[in-house]
Amino acid sequence: MTDDVAIENEWDFYPCRVDGEPASILINLRYRYEDPSAENDHVHHAFIRMAEPGPQGLGTREEMDRLTPIEDAIFDRAEQAGAQPVGRLRYQGIWQLSVYGPKDLPWSTWLAEAAGAPVDVQLQADPDAEYLNDFLLPDEERLQWIMDRRVCDQLRRQGDEAALARPVDHFIEYEQVAPPELLTALQELGFDVSDNGEGLECSKVHDVRLETVHEITMELTELAERFDAAYSGWGAPVTKAGGAVN
């Protein structure tokens, strides 16, 4: 018997800038918790040039529809061979796929078969997964953006009208006793604060558009860290014109 718990794939994306230009990264967040296996000590990149990069170089909807099945086929084949797909970068008209595997992975062959034409590739020894950890994985701010977007998406799927203001609850965890200075700072920011003995529930009326929420969550994250506490998320009722529905 083993106490090891299998870590599931957790694919998500975040917008960013690379070399000052708009970019989008699709990342398997399971690699926040583990590195690729020791035998997969090389990172294989594929650079597929987009036919329709669009105004920001990230690809049009038609290009997404064309290249996503190729990406899925390549990643599936890599996994079947024991390699580990980690992410995709869209940037400046390039659709870049990245997989960790052994040096002799038949990467070029798979890509040519899936894409129907030769694809530019690159191979790098990366036993410490530096490309994954230092570039692909989101920093704390981008990770919070992902978490904020997930809640916003969940509300939207239930018919929420994000532009409508409603009471929103934000949560901060602390150790032992809530710092009085933190309580004061939260109240000065306009939050109604209640202490349940393990954490703070901070309520404030605002809309739940992603840009609004993310600005507030980052402000609270930074504030909590100043007092050795930790921001732990937010929630809000689904709201439509005429009032909240839950």
Protein backbone atom coordinates (compact mmCIF):
# COMPACT_ATOMS: atom_id res chain seq x y z
CA MET A 1 0.00 0.00 0.00
CA THR A 2 1.09 3.58 -0.57
CA ASP A 3 -0.08 6.89 0.76
CA ASP A 4 0.78 8.64 -2.51
CA VAL A 5 -2.17 10.42 -4.08
CA ALA A 6 -2.33 10.60 -7.86
CA ILE A 7 -2.27 14.19 -9.10
CA GLU A 8 -4.84 14.79 -11.82
CA ASN A 9 -4.32 16.90 -14.92
CA GLU A 10 -5.57 20.46 -14.44
CA TRP A 11 -5.42 22.41 -17.69
CA ASP A 12 -6.10 26.14 -17.67
CA PHE A 13 -4.90 29.28 -19.40
CA TYR A 14 -3.84 32.81 -18.61
CA PRO A 15 -3.02 35.90 -20.67
CA CYS A 16 0.40 37.49 -20.27
CA ARG A 17 3.06 39.37 -22.18
CA VAL A 18 6.23 37.87 -23.63
CA ASP A 19 8.98 40.24 -24.73
CA GLY A 20 6.43 43.03 -24.31
CA GLU A 21 3.93 41.46 -26.72
CA PRO A 22 0.50 39.88 -25.98
CA ALA A 23 0.65 36.16 -25.32
CA SER A 24 -1.53 33.37 -23.97
CA ILE A 25 -0.29 30.32 -22.09
CA LEU A 26 -2.17 27.05 -21.68
CA ILE A 27 -0.66 25.17 -18.75
CA ASN A 28 -1.19 21.89 -16.93
CA LEU A 29 -1.37 23.14 -13.35
CA ARG A 30 -0.64 19.69 -11.95
CA TYR A 31 3.01 20.69 -12.38
CA ARG A 32 2.63 23.21 -9.58
CA TYR A 33 2.86 20.14 -7.35
CA GLU A 34 5.31 17.89 -9.18
CA ASP A 35 8.01 18.02 -11.86
CA PRO A 36 8.05 15.76 -14.91
CA SER A 37 9.46 12.31 -14.19
CA ALA A 38 13.23 11.85 -14.13
CA GLU A 39 13.35 9.95 -17.43
CA ASN A 40 11.60 12.84 -19.19
CA ASP A 41 14.63 15.09 -18.88
CA HIS A 42 14.37 16.92 -22.21
CA VAL A 43 11.82 19.50 -23.29
CA HIS A 44 10.60 19.23 -26.88
CA HIS A 45 9.12 22.33 -28.51
CA ALA A 46 7.11 22.58 -31.72
CA PHE A 47 6.59 25.92 -33.49
CA ILE A 48 3.53 25.90 -35.73
CA ARG A 49 3.11 29.10 -37.70
CA MET A 50 -0.47 30.36 -37.70
CA ALA A 51 -2.14 31.04 -41.04
CA GLU A 52 -4.40 33.64 -39.39
CA PRO A 53 -2.58 35.22 -36.42
CA GLY A 54 -5.14 38.00 -35.96
CA PRO A 55 -4.43 41.56 -34.77
CA GLN A 56 -2.67 40.53 -31.54
CA GLY A 57 -0.81 37.54 -32.95
CA LEU A 58 -2.76 35.06 -30.82
CA GLY A 59 -4.79 33.49 -33.61
CA THR A 60 -8.34 33.92 -34.86
CA ARG A 61 -11.24 31.68 -33.84
CA GLU A 62 -10.82 29.84 -37.15
CA GLU A 63 -7.16 29.25 -36.35
CA MET A 64 -8.09 27.91 -32.91
CA ASP A 65 -10.53 25.51 -34.56
CA ARG A 66 -7.83 24.36 -37.00
CA LEU A 67 -4.91 23.93 -34.61
CA THR A 68 -6.59 22.68 -31.43
CA PRO A 69 -7.28 19.19 -32.88
CA ILE A 70 -3.62 18.96 -33.95
CA GLU A 71 -2.54 19.97 -30.46
CA ASP A 72 -4.86 17.40 -28.87
CA ALA A 73 -3.60 14.64 -31.16
CA ILE A 74 0.06 15.43 -30.44
CA PHE A 75 -0.44 15.67 -26.68
CA ASP A 76 -2.44 12.42 -26.63
CA ARG A 77 0.26 10.61 -28.58
CA ALA A 78 2.97 11.98 -26.30
CA GLU A 79 1.12 10.78 -23.19
CA GLN A 80 0.61 7.33 -24.69
CA ALA A 81 4.38 7.12 -25.20
CA GLY A 82 5.10 8.11 -21.59
CA ALA A 83 6.03 11.72 -22.33
CA GLN A 84 4.41 14.60 -20.45
CA PRO A 85 2.72 17.52 -22.23
CA VAL A 86 3.05 20.64 -20.09
CA GLY A 87 1.74 23.58 -22.06
CA ARG A 88 1.21 25.72 -25.10
CA LEU A 89 2.25 29.29 -25.86
CA ARG A 90 0.43 31.46 -28.41
CA TYR A 91 2.54 34.46 -29.31
CA GLN A 92 3.41 36.57 -32.36
CA GLY A 93 1.69 34.24 -34.80
CA ILE A 94 3.31 31.08 -33.38
CA TRP A 95 1.48 28.17 -31.78
CA GLN A 96 4.16 26.56 -29.61
CA LEU A 97 3.64 23.13 -28.03
CA SER A 98 5.92 21.85 -25.26
CA VAL A 99 6.35 18.29 -24.01
CA TYR A 100 8.84 16.72 -21.61
CA GLY A 101 10.21 13.36 -22.69
CA PRO A 102 13.41 11.42 -23.37
CA LYS A 103 15.91 12.77 -25.87
CA ASP A 104 14.93 10.23 -28.54
CA LEU A 105 11.21 11.05 -28.57
CA PRO A 106 10.04 10.87 -32.25
CA TRP A 107 8.65 14.38 -31.95
CA SER A 108 9.25 15.59 -35.51
CA THR A 109 7.60 12.51 -37.00
CA TRP A 110 4.47 12.86 -34.87
CA LEU A 111 4.15 16.53 -35.71
CA ALA A 112 4.53 16.03 -39.45
CA GLU A 113 1.89 13.30 -39.37
CA ALA A 114 -0.57 15.38 -37.33
CA ALA A 115 0.01 18.70 -39.10
CA GLY A 116 0.37 17.27 -42.60
CA ALA A 117 3.65 19.12 -43.15
CA PRO A 118 7.06 19.49 -41.48
CA VAL A 119 7.05 21.63 -38.32
CA ASP A 120 9.99 23.51 -36.80
CA VAL A 121 11.11 21.85 -33.57
CA GLN A 122 13.62 22.44 -30.80
CA LEU A 123 15.12 20.10 -28.22
CA GLN A 124 16.66 21.17 -24.91
CA ALA A 125 18.09 19.17 -22.03
CA ASP A 126 16.11 20.32 -18.99
CA PRO A 127 16.48 17.85 -16.11
CA ASP A 128 15.38 20.49 -13.57
CA ALA A 129 12.30 21.52 -15.60
CA GLU A 130 13.44 25.13 -15.68
CA TYR A 131 11.37 26.01 -18.74
CA LEU A 132 8.26 24.73 -17.00
CA ASN A 133 8.92 26.24 -13.59
CA ASP A 134 10.49 29.54 -14.60
CA PHE A 135 8.43 30.38 -17.68
CA LEU A 136 5.24 28.39 -18.24
CA LEU A 137 3.80 28.18 -14.75
CA PRO A 138 1.91 31.30 -13.62
CA ASP A 139 3.27 33.53 -10.88
CA GLU A 140 1.07 34.23 -7.86
CA GLU A 141 -0.71 37.16 -9.51
CA ARG A 142 -1.52 35.23 -12.69
CA LEU A 143 -2.59 32.21 -10.63
CA GLN A 144 -5.02 34.41 -8.70
CA TRP A 145 -6.32 35.70 -12.05
CA ILE A 146 -7.05 32.11 -13.05
CA MET A 147 -8.91 31.47 -9.79
CA ASP A 148 -10.87 34.71 -10.12
CA ARG A 149 -11.83 33.90 -13.70
CA ARG A 150 -13.06 30.46 -12.67
CA VAL A 151 -15.49 31.95 -10.14
CA CYS A 152 -16.64 34.58 -12.65
CA ASP A 153 -17.21 31.86 -15.25
CA GLN A 154 -19.19 29.77 -12.77
CA LEU A 155 -21.44 32.72 -11.98
CA ARG A 156 -21.88 33.53 -15.68
CA ARG A 157 -22.93 29.95 -16.46
CA GLN A 158 -25.72 30.37 -13.91
CA GLY A 159 -27.03 33.47 -15.66
CA ASP A 160 -25.29 36.08 -13.50
CA GLU A 161 -25.09 39.67 -14.75
CA ALA A 162 -21.55 40.57 -13.74
CA ALA A 163 -21.99 44.34 -13.99
CA LEU A 164 -24.58 44.35 -11.20
CA ALA A 165 -23.27 45.23 -7.74
CA ARG A 166 -24.06 42.85 -4.89
CA PRO A 167 -22.51 41.86 -1.52
CA VAL A 168 -19.34 39.87 -2.21
CA ASP A 169 -17.62 37.85 0.51
CA HIS A 170 -13.82 37.64 0.57
CA PHE A 171 -11.97 35.32 2.94
CA ILE A 172 -8.67 35.72 4.76
CA GLU A 173 -7.06 33.04 6.92
CA TYR A 174 -4.75 33.74 9.83
CA GLU A 175 -2.86 31.79 12.49
CA GLN A 176 -4.00 31.90 16.12
CA VAL A 177 -5.35 35.47 16.43
CA ALA A 178 -6.51 37.96 13.80
CA PRO A 179 -4.07 40.90 13.71
CA PRO A 180 -5.94 44.01 14.93
CA GLU A 181 -4.09 46.14 12.39
CA LEU A 182 -5.44 43.93 9.59
CA LEU A 183 -9.00 44.35 10.84
CA THR A 184 -8.56 48.12 10.94
CA ALA A 185 -7.06 48.23 7.44
CA LEU A 186 -9.93 46.15 6.01
CA GLN A 187 -12.53 48.39 7.61
CA GLU A 188 -10.78 51.45 6.22
CA LEU A 189 -11.14 49.89 2.76
CA GLY A 190 -14.90 49.70 3.27
CA PHE A 191 -15.26 46.03 4.20
CA ASP A 192 -17.64 44.72 6.84
CA VAL A 193 -15.48 42.21 8.70
CA SER A 194 -16.52 39.25 10.84
CA ASP A 195 -14.09 36.94 12.66
CA ASN A 196 -15.05 33.26 13.03
CA GLY A 197 -11.99 32.39 15.10
CA GLU A 198 -10.10 30.82 12.19
CA GLY A 199 -10.47 33.43 9.49
CA LEU A 200 -12.04 36.68 8.44
CA GLU A 201 -15.10 37.08 6.25
CA CYS A 202 -14.85 40.45 4.55
CA SER A 203 -18.01 41.66 2.82
CA LYS A 204 -18.29 44.57 0.41
CA VAL A 205 -20.76 45.59 -2.29
CA HIS A 206 -19.24 45.60 -5.78
CA ASP A 207 -19.75 44.12 -9.24
CA VAL A 208 -18.13 40.84 -10.25
CA ARG A 209 -16.61 41.78 -13.58
CA LEU A 210 -13.26 40.03 -13.74
CA GLU A 211 -11.23 43.23 -13.85
CA THR A 212 -13.05 44.56 -10.76
CA VAL A 213 -12.71 41.36 -8.77
CA HIS A 214 -9.08 40.76 -9.66
CA GLU A 215 -8.05 44.25 -8.58
CA ILE A 216 -9.74 43.69 -5.21
CA THR A 217 -8.36 40.18 -4.68
CA MET A 218 -4.82 41.34 -5.35
CA GLU A 219 -5.24 44.28 -2.98
CA LEU A 220 -6.46 41.91 -0.28
CA THR A 221 -3.72 39.37 -1.03
CA GLU A 222 -1.02 41.99 -0.56
CA LEU A 223 -2.70 43.39 2.55
CA ALA A 224 -3.05 39.96 4.15
CA GLU A 225 0.59 39.10 3.48
CA ARG A 226 1.71 42.26 5.28
CA PHE A 227 0.16 40.86 8.46
CA ASP A 228 1.25 37.20 8.02
CA ALA A 229 -2.23 36.17 6.91
CA ALA A 230 -3.39 34.65 3.62
CA TYR A 231 -6.16 35.54 1.19
CA SER A 232 -8.17 32.38 0.42
CA GLY A 233 -10.86 33.29 -2.10
CA TRP A 234 -14.24 34.88 -2.65
CA GLY A 235 -17.86 34.11 -3.37
CA ALA A 236 -21.00 35.96 -4.39
CA PRO A 237 -24.67 35.26 -5.07
CA VAL A 238 -25.87 34.89 -8.65
CA THR A 239 -27.48 38.24 -9.42
CA LYS A 240 -29.79 39.26 -12.24
CA ALA A 241 -31.73 42.42 -12.95
CA GLY A 242 -34.43 42.45 -10.29
CA GLY A 243 -32.28 41.01 -7.49
CA ALA A 244 -30.12 38.12 -6.32
CA VAL A 245 -31.39 34.63 -7.11
CA ASN A 246 -29.32 32.63 -4.59
